[in-house]
Amino acid sequence: MCSELPESLLLDNYQSLSSIQATETAQVPEQIQQLLQQYAQLFSTPSQLPPSRAANHKIKLLLEAQPIKIRPYHYSSIQKNEIEAQV
């Protein structure tokens, strides 16, 4: 059975991710800045986790489960060369 992470760890991770800003305020158009200021409460850093839901979905992992080992699909050399050229 999967153990749950402590709330403080989840909040710390969320806050560290939300503190990363990709753009500076000077680069954001004035209309967007006004919207951000108008709805500042929506974009503020959360101080707690969201409320409990009626159904909390979980993926239950088996302790003895192993990664799936399957052979990759074999392409002909022509197909393989074309795939490598396109990628």
PDB file of N, CA and C in Angstrom:
ATOM      1  N   MET A   1       0.838  -1.170   0.000  1.00  0.00           N
ATOM      2  CA  MET A   1       0.000   0.000   0.000  1.00  0.00           C
ATOM      3  C   MET A   1       0.888   1.240   0.000  1.00  0.00           C
ATOM      4  N   CYS A   2       0.449   2.292  -0.670  1.00  0.00           N
ATOM      5  CA  CYS A   2       1.217   3.517  -0.830  1.00  0.00           C
ATOM      6  C   CYS A   2       1.028   4.425   0.378  1.00  0.00           C
ATOM      7  N   SER A   3       2.129   4.902   0.959  1.00  0.00           N
ATOM      8  CA  SER A   3       2.002   5.817   2.093  1.00  0.00           C
ATOM      9  C   SER A   3       1.831   7.238   1.573  1.00  0.00           C
ATOM     10  N   GLU A   4       1.115   8.053   2.334  1.00  0.00           N
ATOM     11  CA  GLU A   4       0.854   9.421   1.915  1.00  0.00           C
ATOM     12  C   GLU A   4       1.994  10.320   2.367  1.00  0.00           C
ATOM     13  N   LEU A   5       2.269  11.371   1.588  1.00  0.00           N
ATOM     14  CA  LEU A   5       3.313  12.320   1.930  1.00  0.00           C
ATOM     15  C   LEU A   5       2.785  13.311   2.960  1.00  0.00           C
ATOM     16  N   PRO A   6       3.635  13.778   3.846  1.00  0.00           N
ATOM     17  CA  PRO A   6       3.188  14.762   4.831  1.00  0.00           C
ATOM     18  C   PRO A   6       2.806  16.074   4.147  1.00  0.00           C
ATOM     19  N   GLU A   7       1.834  16.766   4.732  1.00  0.00           N
ATOM     20  CA  GLU A   7       1.321  18.010   4.147  1.00  0.00           C
ATOM     21  C   GLU A   7       2.421  19.057   4.013  1.00  0.00           C
ATOM     22  N   SER A   8       3.315  19.144   4.983  1.00  0.00           N
ATOM     23  CA  SER A   8       4.376  20.152   4.938  1.00  0.00           C
ATOM     24  C   SER A   8       5.302  19.929   3.746  1.00  0.00           C
ATOM     25  N   LEU A   9       5.586  18.680   3.427  1.00  0.00           N
ATOM     26  CA  LEU A   9       6.444  18.378   2.286  1.00  0.00           C
ATOM     27  C   LEU A   9       5.766  18.784   0.988  1.00  0.00           C
ATOM     28  N   LEU A  10       4.479  18.499   0.863  1.00  0.00           N
ATOM     29  CA  LEU A  10       3.742  18.876  -0.333  1.00  0.00           C
ATOM     30  C   LEU A  10       3.692  20.388  -0.489  1.00  0.00           C
ATOM     31  N   LEU A  11       3.439  21.102   0.601  1.00  0.00           N
ATOM     32  CA  LEU A  11       3.385  22.568   0.537  1.00  0.00           C
ATOM     33  C   LEU A  11       4.743  23.149   0.171  1.00  0.00           C
ATOM     34  N   ASP A  12       5.816  22.617   0.748  1.00  0.00           N
ATOM     35  CA  ASP A  12       7.161  23.113   0.446  1.00  0.00           C
ATOM     36  C   ASP A  12       7.476  22.945  -1.038  1.00  0.00           C
ATOM     37  N   ASN A  13       7.153  21.776  -1.586  1.00  0.00           N
ATOM     38  CA  ASN A  13       7.416  21.540  -2.997  1.00  0.00           C
ATOM     39  C   ASN A  13       6.592  22.457  -3.876  1.00  0.00           C
ATOM     40  N   TYR A  14       5.322  22.648  -3.524  1.00  0.00           N
ATOM     41  CA  TYR A  14       4.470  23.522  -4.324  1.00  0.00           C
ATOM     42  C   TYR A  14       4.970  24.956  -4.264  1.00  0.00           C
ATOM     43  N   GLN A  15       5.343  25.416  -3.075  1.00  0.00           N
ATOM     44  CA  GLN A  15       5.802  26.788  -2.931  1.00  0.00           C
ATOM     45  C   GLN A  15       7.104  27.019  -3.676  1.00  0.00           C
ATOM     46  N   SER A  16       7.993  26.043  -3.668  1.00  0.00           N
ATOM     47  CA  SER A  16       9.250  26.224  -4.392  1.00  0.00           C
ATOM     48  C   SER A  16       9.008  26.258  -5.892  1.00  0.00           C
ATOM     49  N   LEU A  17       8.059  25.459  -6.379  1.00  0.00           N
ATOM     50  CA  LEU A  17       7.747  25.488  -7.804  1.00  0.00           C
ATOM     51  C   LEU A  17       7.024  26.773  -8.192  1.00  0.00           C
ATOM     52  N   SER A  18       6.126  27.235  -7.345  1.00  0.00           N
ATOM     53  CA  SER A  18       5.359  28.429  -7.677  1.00  0.00           C
ATOM     54  C   SER A  18       6.187  29.694  -7.557  1.00  0.00           C
ATOM     55  N   SER A  19       7.329  29.648  -6.873  1.00  0.00           N
ATOM     56  CA  SER A  19       8.162  30.836  -6.732  1.00  0.00           C
ATOM     57  C   SER A  19       9.007  31.105  -7.977  1.00  0.00           C
ATOM     58  N   ILE A  20       9.075  30.139  -8.864  1.00  0.00           N
ATOM     59  CA  ILE A  20       9.852  30.313 -10.090  1.00  0.00           C
ATOM     60  C   ILE A  20       9.054  31.190 -11.042  1.00  0.00           C
ATOM     61  N   GLN A  21       9.632  32.283 -11.458  1.00  0.00           N
ATOM     62  CA  GLN A  21       8.953  33.177 -12.386  1.00  0.00           C
ATOM     63  C   GLN A  21       9.703  33.169 -13.702  1.00  0.00           C
ATOM     64  N   ALA A  22       8.986  32.871 -14.794  1.00  0.00           N
ATOM     65  CA  ALA A  22       9.611  32.762 -16.110  1.00  0.00           C
ATOM     66  C   ALA A  22       9.828  34.125 -16.753  1.00  0.00           C
ATOM     67  N   THR A  23       8.980  35.098 -16.454  1.00  0.00           N
ATOM     68  CA  THR A  23       9.115  36.405 -17.086  1.00  0.00           C
ATOM     69  C   THR A  23       9.159  37.484 -16.029  1.00  0.00           C
ATOM     70  N   GLU A  24       9.750  38.596 -16.370  1.00  0.00           N
ATOM     71  CA  GLU A  24       9.787  39.737 -15.472  1.00  0.00           C
ATOM     72  C   GLU A  24       8.544  40.579 -15.708  1.00  0.00           C
ATOM     73  N   THR A  25       8.159  41.367 -14.729  1.00  0.00           N
ATOM     74  CA  THR A  25       6.966  42.194 -14.836  1.00  0.00           C
ATOM     75  C   THR A  25       7.091  43.202 -15.976  1.00  0.00           C
ATOM     76  N   ALA A  26       8.279  43.698 -16.224  1.00  0.00           N
ATOM     77  CA  ALA A  26       8.480  44.699 -17.273  1.00  0.00           C
ATOM     78  C   ALA A  26       8.145  44.137 -18.651  1.00  0.00           C
ATOM     79  N   GLN A  27       8.234  42.830 -18.846  1.00  0.00           N
ATOM     80  CA  GLN A  27       7.984  42.217 -20.141  1.00  0.00           C
ATOM     81  C   GLN A  27       6.519  41.869 -20.347  1.00  0.00           C
ATOM     82  N   VAL A  28       5.694  41.950 -19.309  1.00  0.00           N
ATOM     83  CA  VAL A  28       4.289  41.591 -19.390  1.00  0.00           C
ATOM     84  C   VAL A  28       3.504  42.821 -19.848  1.00  0.00           C
ATOM     85  N   PRO A  29       2.650  42.674 -20.876  1.00  0.00           N
ATOM     86  CA  PRO A  29       1.859  43.825 -21.350  1.00  0.00           C
ATOM     87  C   PRO A  29       1.001  44.427 -20.235  1.00  0.00           C
ATOM     88  N   GLU A  30       0.713  45.705 -20.348  1.00  0.00           N
ATOM     89  CA  GLU A  30      -0.029  46.439 -19.318  1.00  0.00           C
ATOM     90  C   GLU A  30      -1.393  45.822 -19.038  1.00  0.00           C
ATOM     91  N   GLN A  31      -2.104  45.372 -20.074  1.00  0.00           N
ATOM     92  CA  GLN A  31      -3.427  44.781 -19.882  1.00  0.00           C
ATOM     93  C   GLN A  31      -3.335  43.500 -19.048  1.00  0.00           C
ATOM     94  N   ILE A  32      -2.319  42.722 -19.285  1.00  0.00           N
ATOM     95  CA  ILE A  32      -2.128  41.484 -18.523  1.00  0.00           C
ATOM     96  C   ILE A  32      -1.771  41.818 -17.079  1.00  0.00           C
ATOM     97  N   GLN A  33      -0.935  42.835 -16.876  1.00  0.00           N
ATOM     98  CA  GLN A  33      -0.583  43.246 -15.517  1.00  0.00           C
ATOM     99  C   GLN A  33      -1.820  43.680 -14.740  1.00  0.00           C
ATOM    100  N   GLN A  34      -2.732  44.397 -15.413  1.00  0.00           N
ATOM    101  CA  GLN A  34      -3.959  44.827 -14.751  1.00  0.00           C
ATOM    102  C   GLN A  34      -4.813  43.626 -14.345  1.00  0.00           C
ATOM    103  N   LEU A  35      -4.907  42.627 -15.239  1.00  0.00           N
ATOM    104  CA  LEU A  35      -5.664  41.414 -14.906  1.00  0.00           C
ATOM    105  C   LEU A  35      -5.032  40.666 -13.732  1.00  0.00           C
ATOM    106  N   LEU A  36      -3.721  40.590 -13.742  1.00  0.00           N
ATOM    107  CA  LEU A  36      -3.020  39.912 -12.648  1.00  0.00           C
ATOM    108  C   LEU A  36      -3.248  40.632 -11.325  1.00  0.00           C
ATOM    109  N   GLN A  37      -3.269  41.961 -11.351  1.00  0.00           N
ATOM    110  CA  GLN A  37      -3.523  42.723 -10.126  1.00  0.00           C
ATOM    111  C   GLN A  37      -4.982  42.593  -9.692  1.00  0.00           C
ATOM    112  N   GLN A  38      -5.895  42.591 -10.660  1.00  0.00           N
ATOM    113  CA  GLN A  38      -7.317  42.487 -10.345  1.00  0.00           C
ATOM    114  C   GLN A  38      -7.643  41.146  -9.692  1.00  0.00           C
ATOM    115  N   TYR A  39      -7.003  40.080 -10.155  1.00  0.00           N
ATOM    116  CA  TYR A  39      -7.266  38.733  -9.642  1.00  0.00           C
ATOM    117  C   TYR A  39      -6.071  38.190  -8.862  1.00  0.00           C
ATOM    118  N   ALA A  40      -5.422  39.054  -8.106  1.00  0.00           N
ATOM    119  CA  ALA A  40      -4.213  38.669  -7.370  1.00  0.00           C
ATOM    120  C   ALA A  40      -4.468  37.510  -6.411  1.00  0.00           C
ATOM    121  N   GLN A  41      -5.674  37.435  -5.812  1.00  0.00           N
ATOM    122  CA  GLN A  41      -5.968  36.355  -4.863  1.00  0.00           C
ATOM    123  C   GLN A  41      -5.934  34.992  -5.545  1.00  0.00           C
ATOM    124  N   LEU A  42      -6.189  34.943  -6.840  1.00  0.00           N
ATOM    125  CA  LEU A  42      -6.143  33.661  -7.560  1.00  0.00           C
ATOM    126  C   LEU A  42      -4.718  33.204  -7.821  1.00  0.00           C
ATOM    127  N   PHE A  43      -3.793  34.159  -7.913  1.00  0.00           N
ATOM    128  CA  PHE A  43      -2.421  33.830  -8.260  1.00  0.00           C
ATOM    129  C   PHE A  43      -1.487  33.841  -7.062  1.00  0.00           C
ATOM    130  N   SER A  44      -2.017  34.053  -5.868  1.00  0.00           N
ATOM    131  CA  SER A  44      -1.171  34.067  -4.676  1.00  0.00           C
ATOM    132  C   SER A  44      -0.730  32.641  -4.320  1.00  0.00           C
ATOM    133  N   THR A  45       0.359  32.558  -3.592  1.00  0.00           N
ATOM    134  CA  THR A  45       0.873  31.256  -3.158  1.00  0.00           C
ATOM    135  C   THR A  45      -0.070  30.671  -2.113  1.00  0.00           C
ATOM    136  N   PRO A  46      -0.518  29.427  -2.313  1.00  0.00           N
ATOM    137  CA  PRO A  46      -1.434  28.830  -1.330  1.00  0.00           C
ATOM    138  C   PRO A  46      -0.728  28.597   0.007  1.00  0.00           C
ATOM    139  N   SER A  47      -1.501  28.735   1.074  1.00  0.00           N
ATOM    140  CA  SER A  47      -0.949  28.524   2.405  1.00  0.00           C
ATOM    141  C   SER A  47      -1.337  27.159   2.973  1.00  0.00           C
ATOM    142  N   GLN A  48      -2.195  26.436   2.270  1.00  0.00           N
ATOM    143  CA  GLN A  48      -2.612  25.105   2.717  1.00  0.00           C
ATOM    144  C   GLN A  48      -3.024  24.274   1.514  1.00  0.00           C
ATOM    145  N   LEU A  49      -3.208  23.000   1.736  1.00  0.00           N
ATOM    146  CA  LEU A  49      -3.649  22.110   0.678  1.00  0.00           C
ATOM    147  C   LEU A  49      -5.131  22.331   0.398  1.00  0.00           C
ATOM    148  N   PRO A  50      -5.607  21.968  -0.794  1.00  0.00           N
ATOM    149  CA  PRO A  50      -7.031  22.114  -1.082  1.00  0.00           C
ATOM    150  C   PRO A  50      -7.863  21.221  -0.165  1.00  0.00           C
ATOM    151  N   PRO A  51      -9.161  21.519  -0.017  1.00  0.00           N
ATOM    152  CA  PRO A  51      -9.999  20.705   0.874  1.00  0.00           C
ATOM    153  C   PRO A  51     -10.134  19.276   0.356  1.00  0.00           C
ATOM    154  N   SER A  52     -10.494  18.378   1.262  1.00  0.00           N
ATOM    155  CA  SER A  52     -10.688  16.975   0.879  1.00  0.00           C
ATOM    156  C   SER A  52     -11.838  16.867  -0.114  1.00  0.00           C
ATOM    157  N   ARG A  53     -11.693  15.985  -1.050  1.00  0.00           N
ATOM    158  CA  ARG A  53     -12.722  15.760  -2.060  1.00  0.00           C
ATOM    159  C   ARG A  53     -13.559  14.555  -1.664  1.00  0.00           C
ATOM    160  N   ALA A  54     -14.697  14.392  -2.340  1.00  0.00           N
ATOM    161  CA  ALA A  54     -15.565  13.238  -2.078  1.00  0.00           C
ATOM    162  C   ALA A  54     -14.838  11.949  -2.426  1.00  0.00           C
ATOM    163  N   ALA A  55     -14.025  11.996  -3.477  1.00  0.00           N
ATOM    164  CA  ALA A  55     -13.266  10.816  -3.890  1.00  0.00           C
ATOM    165  C   ALA A  55     -11.810  11.225  -4.100  1.00  0.00           C
ATOM    166  N   ASN A  56     -10.924  10.746  -3.268  1.00  0.00           N
ATOM    167  CA  ASN A  56      -9.497  10.962  -3.449  1.00  0.00           C
ATOM    168  C   ASN A  56      -8.940   9.780  -4.225  1.00  0.00           C
ATOM    169  N   HIS A  57      -8.514  10.040  -5.448  1.00  0.00           N
ATOM    170  CA  HIS A  57      -8.031   8.965  -6.301  1.00  0.00           C
ATOM    171  C   HIS A  57      -6.579   8.653  -5.976  1.00  0.00           C
ATOM    172  N   LYS A  58      -6.278   7.390  -5.936  1.00  0.00           N
ATOM    173  CA  LYS A  58      -4.923   6.929  -5.654  1.00  0.00           C
ATOM    174  C   LYS A  58      -4.574   5.802  -6.610  1.00  0.00           C
ATOM    175  N   ILE A  59      -3.309   5.677  -6.879  1.00  0.00           N
ATOM    176  CA  ILE A  59      -2.799   4.529  -7.615  1.00  0.00           C
ATOM    177  C   ILE A  59      -2.081   3.661  -6.595  1.00  0.00           C
ATOM    178  N   LYS A  60      -2.638   2.510  -6.322  1.00  0.00           N
ATOM    179  CA  LYS A  60      -2.048   1.618  -5.325  1.00  0.00           C
ATOM    180  C   LYS A  60      -0.960   0.789  -5.998  1.00  0.00           C
ATOM    181  N   LEU A  61       0.236   0.895  -5.470  1.00  0.00           N
ATOM    182  CA  LEU A  61       1.372   0.173  -6.014  1.00  0.00           C
ATOM    183  C   LEU A  61       1.586  -1.116  -5.247  1.00  0.00           C
ATOM    184  N   LEU A  62       1.994  -2.134  -5.973  1.00  0.00           N
ATOM    185  CA  LEU A  62       2.329  -3.407  -5.342  1.00  0.00           C
ATOM    186  C   LEU A  62       3.805  -3.372  -4.955  1.00  0.00           C
ATOM    187  N   LEU A  63       4.115  -3.823  -3.758  1.00  0.00           N
ATOM    188  CA  LEU A  63       5.494  -3.783  -3.288  1.00  0.00           C
ATOM    189  C   LEU A  63       6.420  -4.654  -4.133  1.00  0.00           C
ATOM    190  N   GLU A  64       5.921  -5.789  -4.609  1.00  0.00           N
ATOM    191  CA  GLU A  64       6.781  -6.698  -5.364  1.00  0.00           C
ATOM    192  C   GLU A  64       6.731  -6.464  -6.871  1.00  0.00           C
ATOM    193  N   ALA A  65       6.069  -5.385  -7.316  1.00  0.00           N
ATOM    194  CA  ALA A  65       5.935  -5.105  -8.750  1.00  0.00           C
ATOM    195  C   ALA A  65       7.285  -4.742  -9.360  1.00  0.00           C
ATOM    196  N   GLN A  66       7.519  -5.183 -10.557  1.00  0.00           N
ATOM    197  CA  GLN A  66       8.743  -4.911 -11.300  1.00  0.00           C
ATOM    198  C   GLN A  66       8.395  -4.129 -12.570  1.00  0.00           C
ATOM    199  N   PRO A  67       9.330  -3.342 -13.092  1.00  0.00           N
ATOM    200  CA  PRO A  67       9.073  -2.648 -14.352  1.00  0.00           C
ATOM    201  C   PRO A  67       8.795  -3.657 -15.474  1.00  0.00           C
ATOM    202  N   ILE A  68       7.963  -3.264 -16.390  1.00  0.00           N
ATOM    203  CA  ILE A  68       7.627  -4.144 -17.505  1.00  0.00           C
ATOM    204  C   ILE A  68       8.834  -4.246 -18.432  1.00  0.00           C
ATOM    205  N   LYS A  69       9.194  -5.460 -18.765  1.00  0.00           N
ATOM    206  CA  LYS A  69      10.327  -5.689 -19.667  1.00  0.00           C
ATOM    207  C   LYS A  69       9.794  -6.297 -20.956  1.00  0.00           C
ATOM    208  N   ILE A  70       9.737  -5.485 -21.979  1.00  0.00           N
ATOM    209  CA  ILE A  70       9.333  -6.001 -23.286  1.00  0.00           C
ATOM    210  C   ILE A  70      10.369  -5.567 -24.299  1.00  0.00           C
ATOM    211  N   ARG A  71      10.508  -6.358 -25.317  1.00  0.00           N
ATOM    212  CA  ARG A  71      11.450  -6.033 -26.373  1.00  0.00           C
ATOM    213  C   ARG A  71      10.892  -4.888 -27.198  1.00  0.00           C
ATOM    214  N   PRO A  72      11.758  -3.966 -27.603  1.00  0.00           N
ATOM    215  CA  PRO A  72      11.267  -2.882 -28.447  1.00  0.00           C
ATOM    216  C   PRO A  72      10.841  -3.417 -29.808  1.00  0.00           C
ATOM    217  N   TYR A  73       9.923  -2.716 -30.424  1.00  0.00           N
ATOM    218  CA  TYR A  73       9.444  -3.115 -31.742  1.00  0.00           C
ATOM    219  C   TYR A  73      10.581  -2.933 -32.729  1.00  0.00           C
ATOM    220  N   HIS A  74      10.825  -3.934 -33.542  1.00  0.00           N
ATOM    221  CA  HIS A  74      11.920  -3.886 -34.504  1.00  0.00           C
ATOM    222  C   HIS A  74      11.434  -3.319 -35.835  1.00  0.00           C
ATOM    223  N   TYR A  75      12.122  -2.286 -36.292  1.00  0.00           N
ATOM    224  CA  TYR A  75      11.846  -1.690 -37.593  1.00  0.00           C
ATOM    225  C   TYR A  75      12.870  -2.200 -38.596  1.00  0.00           C
ATOM    226  N   SER A  76      12.503  -2.180 -39.845  1.00  0.00           N
ATOM    227  CA  SER A  76      13.494  -2.499 -40.876  1.00  0.00           C
ATOM    228  C   SER A  76      14.523  -1.381 -40.878  1.00  0.00           C
ATOM    229  N   SER A  77      15.686  -1.635 -41.440  1.00  0.00           N
ATOM    230  CA  SER A  77      16.743  -0.623 -41.412  1.00  0.00           C
ATOM    231  C   SER A  77      16.318   0.643 -42.156  1.00  0.00           C
ATOM    232  N   ILE A  78      15.522   0.511 -43.195  1.00  0.00           N
ATOM    233  CA  ILE A  78      15.051   1.680 -43.944  1.00  0.00           C
ATOM    234  C   ILE A  78      14.127   2.523 -43.064  1.00  0.00           C
ATOM    235  N   GLN A  79      13.186   1.854 -42.392  1.00  0.00           N
ATOM    236  CA  GLN A  79      12.274   2.574 -41.509  1.00  0.00           C
ATOM    237  C   GLN A  79      13.042   3.217 -40.354  1.00  0.00           C
ATOM    238  N   LYS A  80      13.989   2.487 -39.779  1.00  0.00           N
ATOM    239  CA  LYS A  80      14.773   3.006 -38.659  1.00  0.00           C
ATOM    240  C   LYS A  80      15.556   4.249 -39.074  1.00  0.00           C
ATOM    241  N   ASN A  81      16.189   4.206 -40.230  1.00  0.00           N
ATOM    242  CA  ASN A  81      16.949   5.365 -40.713  1.00  0.00           C
ATOM    243  C   ASN A  81      16.029   6.564 -40.935  1.00  0.00           C
ATOM    244  N   GLU A  82      14.835   6.327 -41.463  1.00  0.00           N
ATOM    245  CA  GLU A  82      13.886   7.424 -41.704  1.00  0.00           C
ATOM    246  C   GLU A  82      13.390   8.011 -40.390  1.00  0.00           C
ATOM    247  N   ILE A  83      13.104   7.180 -39.415  1.00  0.00           N
ATOM    248  CA  ILE A  83      12.667   7.664 -38.097  1.00  0.00           C
ATOM    249  C   ILE A  83      13.763   8.494 -37.455  1.00  0.00           C
ATOM    250  N   GLU A  84      14.992   8.017 -37.508  1.00  0.00           N
ATOM    251  CA  GLU A  84      16.110   8.764 -36.922  1.00  0.00           C
ATOM    252  C   GLU A  84      16.337  10.080 -37.652  1.00  0.00           C
ATOM    253  N   ALA A  85      16.129  10.099 -38.973  1.00  0.00           N
ATOM    254  CA  ALA A  85      16.300  11.333 -39.747  1.00  0.00           C
ATOM    255  C   ALA A  85      15.232  12.358 -39.359  1.00  0.00           C
ATOM    256  N   GLN A  86      14.003  11.896 -39.090  1.00  0.00           N
ATOM    257  CA  GLN A  86      12.908  12.810 -38.759  1.00  0.00           C
ATOM    258  C   GLN A  86      12.972  13.287 -37.308  1.00  0.00           C
ATOM    259  N   VAL A  87      13.506  12.464 -36.454  1.00  0.00           N
ATOM    260  CA  VAL A  87      13.566  12.833 -35.038  1.00  0.00           C
ATOM    261  C   VAL A  87      14.857  13.536 -34.813  1.00  0.00           C
TER     262      VAL A  87
END
